[in-house]
Amino acid sequence: MSPQDEKALLAHFHKSSKPMSRRAALRAAGCGFGFLGLSDLLQAADAPADQNPLAPKAPHFKPRAKRVIFLFMHGGVSHVDSFDYKPRLIKDNGKPLPIKRPLAFADTPPGPLVAPLWDFKQRGQSGLWVSDLFPHMASVADDLCVIRSMVGEGVDHGAALLQTFTGMSNVVRPSMGSWVTYGLGSENRDLPGYVMIKPALSHGGSKNWSSAFLPGAYQGTAIGHAGMRVDDIKGEPIEYLKQKNFSSDEQRFELDMLKGVNRRHQEMRKHDPALEARIQSFELAFRMQTQAPEAFEVERESEATKKLYGLDNPKTADFGWQCLLARRLAERGVRYIQCTHSYKWDQHSDILQKHPDNAAEVDLPIAGLIKDLKSRGMLEDTLVIWAGEFGRTPISEVAAKAGERFGRDHNPYGYSIWMAGGGVKRGFAYGATDDIGYHAVEDRMHIHDFHATVLALMGLDHLKLTYRYGGRDFRLTDVAGIVAEKIFA
């Protein structure tokens, strides 16, 4: 900005308002950008394309998927009651655990083996085993690639979440969404490349969608949080982008003045990257005013589409809104989107009552998302992932006596997730646990392998996707990771 322009801007503000300090200007221009959560989102609007960190980048090889929608079931769904059928648990129901129990979260003595609490059936033409806990997901079984051999190390939620999202359970590293956007950029310069819809603030909170030592442009943008009602979020992204009583031209005028002040301040601070990131977060928020309002107007969808996602039912409306918003963001070029079903699946007791309640909230919306993506031709290049941070034990945490409210403990040693679309096999089961569902024994997929496989589906070689920090090259999979090519279509 030229000195003449700066003088004109300052003159405008002297005429129209009281004198404003730099701190006050930051407060005024920054109010309303809180919905963005963490800043550092994008380079300046007028920067050349090669200076935009979220400009689309070429993958390492031809990708099978262009984008990811991650459906996270916070708390840990019981795999032996949903996607991992174990007849031995029926035969040996009530008998003692036949193996030495590995490290557990609970410090009580192990209870007996407990049979699946819901009936399993073979579904669709593929014959995938899915229990009655998820009847709507069962209806799209022929589109699912169920991985029955996931393995992690975290027996507590905090460690397990951090490892699921970042690959490490005890130190803060960039999240998978950050690595994907670092490697590929975004297809819409006016929306963030990585969006978290109603993320959990517990068990690590923002560490689970942080960019850590990667440039801040690659961290997740949070839309609300798990403790908020959808009705309280709906208007937030639009209203927070607007400044009260300011026209678009006046906002642009103010941002230009603020940018000039910040640039001078930055020169004195030797081009502080944190300040540069803050400047660019304002720029992205301004540009989002043209894109975000329309993207978030889920109400524009047809009544049939809203019903498909369960928006007509109070039970399913919350997660249905998340799934439908995820589809709208995906079709507008957002690279990585996560929906979170809040911390409800941790049934150490009352599993018979609470697992069905939880399933009823997410089952129909998730099936609706698969069907909707498929009908729009988007499932082919959209990788949908359904997962918790671990599974649950095949034994009861509380001795299952008559009338007792038993549940299941955490189990990271062998559990189930599924993927759909994005180049994975349809109606396919990969890997296996032992005959009681405690340990993965066939085609084990450690979380490092899971991350390597997701990156490969996106056209990224996990060995080449590196970032130099602190004197060494880091990658999402650290020094491990094997791509599970058997699941590729």
Protein backbone atom coordinates (compact mmCIF):
# COMPACT_ATOMS: atom_id res chain seq x y z
CA MET A 1 0.00 0.00 0.00
CA SER A 2 1.42 3.39 -1.00
CA PRO A 3 1.89 6.25 1.53
CA GLN A 4 -0.86 8.14 -0.28
CA ASP A 5 -3.27 5.23 0.16
CA GLU A 6 -2.42 4.94 3.83
CA LYS A 7 -3.05 8.67 4.33
CA ALA A 8 -6.42 8.35 2.59
CA LEU A 9 -7.38 5.39 4.76
CA LEU A 10 -6.38 7.13 7.95
CA ALA A 11 -8.24 10.25 6.90
CA HIS A 12 -11.37 8.17 6.30
CA PHE A 13 -11.22 6.69 9.79
CA HIS A 14 -10.48 10.03 11.44
CA LYS A 15 -13.61 11.41 9.80
CA SER A 16 -15.89 8.46 10.49
CA SER A 17 -14.76 7.33 13.94
CA LYS A 18 -12.71 8.07 17.02
CA PRO A 19 -8.93 7.63 16.79
CA MET A 20 -8.05 3.94 16.90
CA SER A 21 -4.89 2.31 18.20
CA ARG A 22 -3.34 -0.70 16.47
CA ARG A 23 -4.58 -2.93 19.32
CA ALA A 24 -8.09 -1.51 19.00
CA ALA A 25 -8.00 -1.94 15.23
CA LEU A 26 -7.04 -5.58 15.65
CA ARG A 27 -9.90 -6.07 18.08
CA ALA A 28 -12.39 -4.39 15.76
CA ALA A 29 -11.28 -6.22 12.64
CA GLY A 30 -10.83 -9.48 14.48
CA CYS A 31 -14.24 -9.57 16.16
CA GLY A 32 -16.33 -12.15 14.44
CA PHE A 33 -13.41 -14.28 13.29
CA GLY A 34 -13.58 -16.43 16.41
CA PHE A 35 -15.40 -19.18 14.51
CA LEU A 36 -12.20 -19.80 12.60
CA GLY A 37 -10.68 -21.09 15.84
CA LEU A 38 -6.99 -21.33 15.11
CA SER A 39 -5.63 -18.81 12.64
CA ASP A 40 -2.84 -19.16 10.08
CA LEU A 41 -5.18 -20.24 7.31
CA LEU A 42 -4.18 -18.78 3.99
CA GLN A 43 -1.89 -16.35 2.23
CA ALA A 44 -3.05 -12.92 1.07
CA ALA A 45 -5.77 -12.62 -1.52
CA ASP A 46 -3.47 -10.83 -3.92
CA ALA A 47 -0.54 -13.22 -3.48
CA PRO A 48 0.65 -15.15 -6.54
CA ALA A 49 -0.68 -18.71 -6.76
CA ASP A 50 2.72 -20.20 -5.98
CA GLN A 51 2.77 -18.26 -2.66
CA ASN A 52 -0.60 -19.62 -1.58
CA PRO A 53 0.14 -22.59 0.71
CA LEU A 54 -3.29 -24.06 -0.02
CA ALA A 55 -3.02 -23.80 -3.81
CA PRO A 56 -3.72 -27.23 -5.37
CA LYS A 57 -0.60 -29.38 -5.62
CA ALA A 58 0.13 -32.39 -7.78
CA PRO A 59 0.00 -35.74 -5.95
CA HIS A 60 2.92 -38.16 -6.08
CA PHE A 61 0.92 -40.54 -8.26
CA LYS A 62 -2.59 -40.90 -9.63
CA PRO A 63 -5.01 -40.66 -6.70
CA ARG A 64 -8.03 -42.84 -6.13
CA ALA A 65 -9.67 -40.23 -3.90
CA LYS A 66 -9.73 -36.43 -4.06
CA ARG A 67 -11.12 -35.73 -0.60
CA VAL A 68 -11.78 -37.32 2.80
CA ILE A 69 -14.85 -37.30 5.04
CA PHE A 70 -13.95 -38.78 8.43
CA LEU A 71 -16.88 -39.82 10.65
CA PHE A 72 -15.50 -40.10 14.17
CA MET A 73 -17.34 -42.04 16.89
CA HIS A 74 -15.80 -40.59 20.03
CA GLY A 75 -15.60 -43.06 22.90
CA GLY A 76 -15.08 -46.34 21.08
CA VAL A 77 -17.81 -48.48 19.47
CA SER A 78 -17.89 -52.16 20.41
CA HIS A 79 -16.63 -53.99 17.33
CA VAL A 80 -17.75 -57.39 18.65
CA ASP A 81 -21.30 -56.01 18.78
CA SER A 82 -21.27 -54.36 15.35
CA PHE A 83 -18.88 -55.42 12.56
CA ASP A 84 -16.80 -58.34 13.92
CA TYR A 85 -18.92 -61.48 14.30
CA LYS A 86 -17.46 -64.02 16.73
CA PRO A 87 -19.51 -67.25 17.06
CA ARG A 88 -17.21 -68.45 19.87
CA LEU A 89 -18.48 -65.63 22.07
CA ILE A 90 -21.97 -67.10 21.70
CA LYS A 91 -20.75 -70.63 22.46
CA ASP A 92 -18.60 -69.57 25.44
CA ASN A 93 -20.84 -66.82 26.81
CA GLY A 94 -20.27 -66.51 30.55
CA LYS A 95 -17.00 -68.44 30.60
CA PRO A 96 -13.73 -66.94 31.95
CA LEU A 97 -11.37 -65.12 29.61
CA PRO A 98 -9.22 -67.92 28.10
CA ILE A 99 -6.11 -65.75 27.65
CA LYS A 100 -4.06 -63.47 29.85
CA ARG A 101 -5.65 -60.04 29.75
CA PRO A 102 -3.34 -57.40 28.25
CA LEU A 103 -2.91 -53.95 29.73
CA ALA A 104 -6.40 -52.60 30.41
CA PHE A 105 -7.91 -49.27 31.29
CA ALA A 106 -10.00 -50.68 34.14
CA ASP A 107 -8.20 -51.86 37.28
CA THR A 108 -10.93 -54.33 38.27
CA PRO A 109 -10.65 -58.10 37.70
CA PRO A 110 -11.84 -59.15 34.22
CA GLY A 111 -15.40 -60.33 33.88
CA PRO A 112 -16.50 -63.30 31.74
CA LEU A 113 -16.86 -63.50 27.98
CA VAL A 114 -20.06 -61.85 26.77
CA ALA A 115 -21.86 -62.88 23.58
CA PRO A 116 -22.71 -60.23 20.97
CA LEU A 117 -25.54 -58.14 22.38
CA TRP A 118 -27.22 -57.76 18.98
CA ASP A 119 -27.88 -60.36 16.32
CA PHE A 120 -25.48 -60.51 13.38
CA LYS A 121 -26.65 -61.17 9.82
CA GLN A 122 -24.93 -61.37 6.47
CA ARG A 123 -25.93 -58.29 4.49
CA GLY A 124 -26.33 -57.48 0.81
CA GLN A 125 -24.88 -59.45 -2.06
CA SER A 126 -21.43 -59.35 -0.45
CA GLY A 127 -22.58 -61.16 2.69
CA LEU A 128 -20.72 -58.84 5.07
CA TRP A 129 -21.55 -59.54 8.70
CA VAL A 130 -23.21 -56.50 10.31
CA SER A 131 -25.24 -56.58 13.51
CA ASP A 132 -28.72 -55.22 14.09
CA LEU A 133 -27.15 -52.35 16.03
CA PHE A 134 -26.68 -50.57 12.67
CA PRO A 135 -29.60 -51.53 10.38
CA HIS A 136 -29.15 -48.53 8.06
CA MET A 137 -25.40 -49.04 7.63
CA ALA A 138 -26.27 -52.69 6.98
CA SER A 139 -28.35 -51.49 4.02
CA VAL A 140 -25.19 -50.09 2.37
CA ALA A 141 -22.96 -53.05 3.30
CA ASP A 142 -22.10 -53.62 -0.36
CA ASP A 143 -20.39 -50.21 -0.40
CA LEU A 144 -18.29 -50.80 2.73
CA CYS A 145 -14.74 -52.01 3.13
CA VAL A 146 -14.62 -53.23 6.73
CA ILE A 147 -11.18 -53.42 8.35
CA ARG A 148 -11.39 -55.86 11.25
CA SER A 149 -7.75 -55.76 12.32
CA MET A 150 -7.00 -52.23 13.51
CA VAL A 151 -4.33 -51.89 16.19
CA GLY A 152 -3.24 -48.98 18.36
CA GLU A 153 -1.35 -48.49 21.62
CA GLY A 154 -3.50 -46.11 23.63
CA VAL A 155 -5.64 -47.77 26.30
CA ASP A 156 -6.93 -44.37 27.44
CA HIS A 157 -8.92 -41.95 25.32
CA GLY A 158 -6.37 -39.15 25.24
CA ALA A 159 -3.53 -41.28 23.92
CA ALA A 160 -5.82 -43.20 21.55
CA LEU A 161 -7.34 -40.06 20.01
CA LEU A 162 -3.95 -38.42 19.56
CA GLN A 163 -2.57 -41.52 17.86
CA THR A 164 -5.65 -41.96 15.67
CA PHE A 165 -5.39 -38.42 14.34
CA THR A 166 -1.65 -37.70 14.45
CA GLY A 167 0.07 -41.08 14.56
CA MET A 168 1.66 -40.40 17.96
CA SER A 169 0.12 -41.06 21.36
CA ASN A 170 2.47 -39.08 23.60
CA VAL A 171 3.71 -36.01 21.69
CA VAL A 172 1.94 -33.39 19.59
CA ARG A 173 2.46 -33.90 15.87
CA PRO A 174 0.58 -32.65 12.77
CA SER A 175 -2.80 -34.32 12.26
CA MET A 176 -3.62 -36.46 9.24
CA GLY A 177 -5.87 -33.69 7.88
CA SER A 178 -2.96 -31.26 8.11
CA TRP A 179 -0.64 -33.64 6.25
CA VAL A 180 -3.24 -34.18 3.50
CA THR A 181 -3.74 -30.44 2.95
CA TYR A 182 0.03 -29.86 3.16
CA GLY A 183 0.53 -32.46 0.43
CA LEU A 184 -2.37 -31.57 -1.85
CA GLY A 185 -3.61 -28.09 -1.00
CA SER A 186 -7.27 -27.22 -1.49
CA GLU A 187 -9.55 -26.81 -4.49
CA ASN A 188 -11.32 -23.71 -3.14
CA ARG A 189 -9.22 -20.70 -2.15
CA ASP A 190 -12.19 -19.08 -0.43
CA LEU A 191 -12.84 -21.92 2.02
CA PRO A 192 -10.46 -23.66 4.43
CA GLY A 193 -8.83 -26.83 3.17
CA TYR A 194 -9.43 -28.72 6.42
CA VAL A 195 -12.65 -28.40 8.40
CA MET A 196 -13.66 -29.97 11.73
CA ILE A 197 -17.42 -29.99 12.32
CA LYS A 198 -18.30 -30.01 16.04
CA PRO A 199 -14.95 -31.44 17.19
CA ALA A 200 -14.48 -32.72 20.73
CA LEU A 201 -12.73 -30.38 23.15
CA SER A 202 -11.88 -33.24 25.51
CA HIS A 203 -9.09 -35.84 25.26
CA GLY A 204 -6.60 -33.52 23.59
CA GLY A 205 -8.97 -31.03 22.00
CA SER A 206 -7.30 -28.93 19.32
CA LYS A 207 -4.14 -31.06 19.46
CA ASN A 208 -6.10 -33.62 17.46
CA TRP A 209 -6.54 -31.24 14.51
CA SER A 210 -3.40 -29.17 14.98
CA SER A 211 -0.79 -28.57 12.29
CA ALA A 212 1.89 -28.63 15.04
CA PHE A 213 5.19 -27.70 13.32
CA LEU A 214 3.67 -27.57 9.83
CA PRO A 215 2.77 -24.04 8.70
CA GLY A 216 -0.42 -22.87 10.36
CA ALA A 217 -2.27 -22.76 7.03
CA TYR A 218 -2.71 -26.54 7.30
CA GLN A 219 -4.44 -26.80 10.67
CA GLY A 220 -8.12 -27.60 10.99
CA THR A 221 -10.79 -24.92 11.12
CA ALA A 222 -13.33 -25.79 13.81
CA ILE A 223 -17.03 -25.22 13.19
CA GLY A 224 -18.49 -25.05 16.68
CA HIS A 225 -17.63 -27.85 19.09
CA ALA A 226 -19.19 -31.02 20.48
CA GLY A 227 -20.88 -29.21 23.35
CA MET A 228 -22.86 -26.88 21.08
CA ARG A 229 -26.32 -27.40 19.67
CA VAL A 230 -26.62 -27.25 15.89
CA ASP A 231 -29.14 -24.42 16.17
CA ASP A 232 -26.47 -22.37 17.95
CA ILE A 233 -23.93 -23.09 15.21
CA LYS A 234 -26.05 -22.63 12.08
CA GLY A 235 -25.83 -18.85 11.89
CA GLU A 236 -22.42 -18.59 13.51
CA PRO A 237 -20.11 -19.08 10.49
CA ILE A 238 -22.06 -16.51 8.49
CA GLU A 239 -22.61 -13.95 11.23
CA TYR A 240 -19.06 -14.19 12.57
CA LEU A 241 -17.70 -13.29 9.15
CA LYS A 242 -19.66 -10.08 9.01
CA GLN A 243 -18.94 -6.84 10.82
CA LYS A 244 -21.93 -5.04 12.20
CA ASN A 245 -22.98 -1.96 10.23
CA PHE A 246 -20.12 -2.31 7.74
CA SER A 247 -20.59 -2.71 4.02
CA SER A 248 -18.28 -4.99 2.05
CA ASP A 249 -16.37 -1.96 0.72
CA GLU A 250 -15.93 -0.57 4.22
CA GLN A 251 -14.66 -3.91 5.52
CA ARG A 252 -12.21 -4.09 2.61
CA PHE A 253 -11.15 -0.52 3.41
CA GLU A 254 -10.55 -1.39 7.05
CA LEU A 255 -8.64 -4.57 6.28
CA ASP A 256 -6.37 -2.71 3.86
CA MET A 257 -5.56 -0.15 6.53
CA LEU A 258 -4.98 -2.88 9.11
CA LYS A 259 -2.77 -4.78 6.66
CA GLY A 260 -0.63 -1.69 6.12
CA VAL A 261 -0.20 -1.16 9.86
CA ASN A 262 0.61 -4.83 10.38
CA ARG A 263 3.11 -4.87 7.51
CA ARG A 264 5.06 -2.02 9.07
CA HIS A 265 4.91 -3.78 12.43
CA GLN A 266 6.08 -6.99 10.77
CA GLU A 267 9.10 -5.30 9.20
CA MET A 268 10.21 -4.27 12.66
CA ARG A 269 9.79 -7.89 13.83
CA LYS A 270 11.84 -9.40 10.99
CA HIS A 271 8.84 -10.79 9.13
CA ASP A 272 7.30 -12.66 12.06
CA PRO A 273 5.49 -15.70 10.56
CA ALA A 274 2.86 -15.68 13.34
CA LEU A 275 1.92 -12.09 12.48
CA GLU A 276 1.87 -12.92 8.77
CA ALA A 277 -0.47 -15.82 9.53
CA ARG A 278 -2.78 -13.53 11.51
CA ILE A 279 -2.94 -11.08 8.60
CA GLN A 280 -3.84 -13.89 6.22
CA SER A 281 -6.52 -15.30 8.53
CA PHE A 282 -8.30 -11.93 8.27
CA GLU A 283 -8.00 -12.09 4.49
CA LEU A 284 -9.48 -15.58 4.32
CA ALA A 285 -12.33 -14.61 6.61
CA PHE A 286 -13.12 -11.67 4.33
CA ARG A 287 -13.13 -13.84 1.21
CA MET A 288 -15.23 -16.48 2.96
CA GLN A 289 -18.10 -14.00 3.11
CA THR A 290 -18.80 -14.82 -0.53
CA GLN A 291 -18.49 -18.60 -0.18
CA ALA A 292 -19.24 -19.67 3.39
CA PRO A 293 -22.82 -18.37 3.68
CA GLU A 294 -24.01 -20.41 0.72
CA ALA A 295 -22.02 -23.49 1.74
CA PHE A 296 -23.53 -23.49 5.23
CA GLU A 297 -27.13 -23.01 4.10
CA VAL A 298 -28.10 -26.64 4.56
CA GLU A 299 -31.75 -25.53 4.61
CA ARG A 300 -31.55 -24.97 0.85
CA GLU A 301 -31.47 -28.72 0.28
CA SER A 302 -34.63 -30.46 -0.90
CA GLU A 303 -37.00 -31.96 1.66
CA ALA A 304 -36.16 -35.40 0.31
CA THR A 305 -32.43 -34.84 0.86
CA LYS A 306 -32.95 -33.51 4.37
CA LYS A 307 -35.10 -36.52 5.18
CA LEU A 308 -32.42 -38.84 3.76
CA TYR A 309 -30.02 -37.46 6.38
CA GLY A 310 -32.60 -37.50 9.17
CA LEU A 311 -32.98 -33.75 9.59
CA ASP A 312 -36.73 -34.28 10.09
CA ASN A 313 -36.15 -36.28 13.29
CA PRO A 314 -34.79 -34.72 16.50
CA LYS A 315 -32.90 -37.95 17.21
CA THR A 316 -30.87 -37.84 13.99
CA ALA A 317 -30.95 -34.12 13.17
CA ASP A 318 -27.65 -33.21 14.85
CA PHE A 319 -25.38 -35.76 13.18
CA GLY A 320 -27.48 -35.58 10.01
CA TRP A 321 -26.72 -31.86 9.78
CA GLN A 322 -23.01 -32.59 10.19
CA CYS A 323 -23.06 -35.23 7.44
CA LEU A 324 -25.03 -33.06 5.03
CA LEU A 325 -22.77 -30.07 5.68
CA ALA A 326 -19.79 -32.34 5.05
CA ARG A 327 -21.18 -33.29 1.66
CA ARG A 328 -21.79 -29.61 0.79
CA LEU A 329 -18.23 -28.69 1.79
CA ALA A 330 -16.82 -31.66 -0.11
CA GLU A 331 -18.54 -30.70 -3.35
CA ARG A 332 -17.16 -27.16 -2.93
CA GLY A 333 -13.55 -28.30 -2.88
CA VAL A 334 -12.75 -28.67 0.82
CA ARG A 335 -10.08 -31.35 0.95
CA TYR A 336 -10.54 -32.90 4.39
CA ILE A 337 -13.68 -32.81 6.57
CA GLN A 338 -14.38 -34.46 9.89
CA CYS A 339 -17.74 -34.97 11.61
CA THR A 340 -17.69 -35.95 15.29
CA HIS A 341 -20.33 -37.84 17.22
CA SER A 342 -19.66 -36.47 20.67
CA TYR A 343 -18.22 -38.46 23.56
CA LYS A 344 -21.04 -41.00 23.98
CA TRP A 345 -19.68 -44.43 23.08
CA ASP A 346 -17.65 -45.12 26.23
CA GLN A 347 -19.91 -47.78 27.72
CA HIS A 348 -18.10 -49.26 30.70
CA SER A 349 -21.63 -49.94 31.94
CA ASP A 350 -25.17 -49.76 30.54
CA ILE A 351 -23.99 -50.78 27.08
CA LEU A 352 -27.34 -52.47 26.36
CA GLN A 353 -29.13 -49.16 26.87
CA LYS A 354 -26.62 -46.62 25.59
CA HIS A 355 -25.12 -48.22 22.49
CA PRO A 356 -28.56 -48.44 20.80
CA ASP A 357 -29.29 -44.79 21.69
CA ASN A 358 -25.98 -43.70 20.20
CA ALA A 359 -26.45 -45.84 17.10
CA ALA A 360 -29.90 -44.38 16.51
CA GLU A 361 -28.36 -40.90 16.30
CA VAL A 362 -25.78 -41.72 13.61
CA ASP A 363 -26.92 -44.83 11.72
CA LEU A 364 -29.44 -43.27 9.34
CA PRO A 365 -27.40 -40.08 8.60
CA ILE A 366 -24.29 -42.10 7.76
CA ALA A 367 -26.19 -44.40 5.42
CA GLY A 368 -27.82 -41.30 3.93
CA LEU A 369 -24.39 -39.76 3.28
CA ILE A 370 -23.20 -42.90 1.45
CA LYS A 371 -26.37 -43.03 -0.66
CA ASP A 372 -26.26 -39.30 -1.42
CA LEU A 373 -22.60 -39.30 -2.44
CA LYS A 374 -23.24 -42.34 -4.61
CA SER A 375 -26.26 -40.80 -6.36
CA ARG A 376 -24.24 -37.65 -7.14
CA GLY A 377 -21.28 -39.58 -8.52
CA MET A 378 -19.08 -38.34 -5.67
CA LEU A 379 -18.48 -41.60 -3.81
CA GLU A 380 -15.97 -42.75 -6.42
CA ASP A 381 -13.49 -40.02 -5.47
CA THR A 382 -14.55 -39.31 -1.88
CA LEU A 383 -13.00 -41.50 0.81
CA VAL A 384 -15.44 -41.91 3.71
CA ILE A 385 -13.91 -43.24 6.94
CA TRP A 386 -15.91 -44.45 9.95
CA ALA A 387 -13.91 -45.09 13.12
CA GLY A 388 -13.58 -44.66 16.86
CA GLU A 389 -10.33 -44.41 18.79
CA PHE A 390 -10.46 -48.14 19.70
CA GLY A 391 -12.92 -51.00 20.10
CA ARG A 392 -14.15 -52.74 23.23
CA THR A 393 -13.31 -55.95 25.03
CA PRO A 394 -15.11 -59.27 24.46
CA ILE A 395 -15.44 -59.58 28.24
CA SER A 396 -17.66 -57.73 30.64
CA GLU A 397 -16.06 -55.03 32.72
CA VAL A 398 -18.57 -55.74 35.50
CA ALA A 399 -19.49 -59.35 36.21
CA ALA A 400 -22.60 -60.02 34.13
CA LYS A 401 -24.88 -61.31 36.86
CA ALA A 402 -28.65 -61.22 36.51
CA GLY A 403 -29.87 -57.64 36.31
CA GLU A 404 -26.41 -56.09 36.59
CA ARG A 405 -25.61 -53.12 34.34
CA PHE A 406 -22.51 -54.43 32.62
CA GLY A 407 -20.35 -52.88 29.92
CA ARG A 408 -17.09 -53.43 28.03
CA ASP A 409 -13.64 -51.92 28.57
CA HIS A 410 -11.35 -50.22 26.01
CA ASN A 411 -9.65 -52.47 23.45
CA PRO A 412 -6.95 -51.07 21.14
CA TYR A 413 -5.48 -54.50 20.35
CA GLY A 414 -7.90 -55.48 17.60
CA TYR A 415 -10.96 -53.51 16.49
CA SER A 416 -13.01 -52.55 13.44
CA ILE A 417 -13.37 -49.47 11.27
CA TRP A 418 -14.67 -49.13 7.72
CA MET A 419 -14.00 -47.11 4.60
CA ALA A 420 -16.22 -46.49 1.60
CA GLY A 421 -15.67 -44.99 -1.86
CA GLY A 422 -12.36 -43.38 -2.73
CA GLY A 423 -10.91 -46.41 -4.50
CA VAL A 424 -11.42 -49.11 -1.84
CA LYS A 425 -13.07 -52.47 -2.48
CA ARG A 426 -16.81 -52.66 -1.97
CA GLY A 427 -18.51 -55.26 0.20
CA PHE A 428 -15.11 -56.41 1.42
CA ALA A 429 -13.70 -57.48 4.80
CA TYR A 430 -9.99 -57.09 5.48
CA GLY A 431 -8.05 -58.67 8.32
CA ALA A 432 -9.29 -60.59 11.34
CA THR A 433 -9.10 -60.74 15.11
CA ASP A 434 -8.70 -63.94 17.14
CA ASP A 435 -11.75 -66.10 17.78
CA ILE A 436 -12.90 -64.00 20.74
CA GLY A 437 -12.22 -60.61 19.09
CA TYR A 438 -9.48 -59.43 21.44
CA HIS A 439 -6.30 -59.26 19.30
CA ALA A 440 -5.77 -58.64 15.58
CA VAL A 441 -4.11 -61.73 14.13
CA GLU A 442 -4.50 -61.50 10.35
CA ASP A 443 -3.43 -58.55 8.16
CA ARG A 444 -2.92 -56.37 11.23
CA MET A 445 -3.41 -52.70 10.39
CA HIS A 446 -1.56 -50.55 12.87
CA ILE A 447 -2.57 -46.89 12.92
CA HIS A 448 0.66 -46.07 11.04
CA ASP A 449 -0.47 -48.52 8.32
CA PHE A 450 -3.92 -46.92 8.31
CA HIS A 451 -2.38 -43.48 7.76
CA ALA A 452 -0.05 -44.76 5.04
CA THR A 453 -3.02 -46.36 3.29
CA VAL A 454 -5.20 -43.23 3.45
CA LEU A 455 -2.37 -41.12 2.05
CA ALA A 456 -1.84 -43.66 -0.76
CA LEU A 457 -5.53 -43.48 -1.67
CA MET A 458 -5.07 -39.71 -1.94
CA GLY A 459 -2.09 -40.16 -4.26
CA LEU A 460 0.55 -39.42 -1.63
CA ASP A 461 3.57 -41.58 -0.82
CA HIS A 462 3.88 -41.50 2.97
CA LEU A 463 7.65 -41.99 2.66
CA LYS A 464 8.00 -38.87 0.51
CA LEU A 465 5.51 -36.62 2.31
CA THR A 466 8.00 -35.09 4.72
CA TYR A 467 8.63 -31.79 6.48
CA ARG A 468 11.98 -30.78 7.91
CA TYR A 469 11.77 -29.51 11.48
CA GLY A 470 14.30 -29.38 14.29
CA GLY A 471 17.03 -30.91 12.18
CA ARG A 472 15.20 -34.00 10.93
CA ASP A 473 12.58 -34.95 8.35
CA PHE A 474 9.20 -35.83 9.86
CA ARG A 475 6.28 -37.69 8.30
CA LEU A 476 2.82 -38.74 9.44
CA THR A 477 3.86 -42.38 9.75
CA ASP A 478 7.11 -41.59 11.61
CA VAL A 479 9.46 -44.50 10.77
CA ALA A 480 6.73 -47.09 10.10
CA GLY A 481 3.70 -47.62 7.88
CA ILE A 482 2.77 -50.30 5.35
CA VAL A 483 0.16 -49.55 2.68
CA ALA A 484 -2.66 -52.12 2.71
CA GLU A 485 -2.92 -52.53 -1.05
CA LYS A 486 -5.27 -55.51 -0.63
CA ILE A 487 -8.15 -53.13 0.06
CA PHE A 488 -7.64 -51.16 -3.18
CA ALA A 489 -10.30 -51.73 -5.82
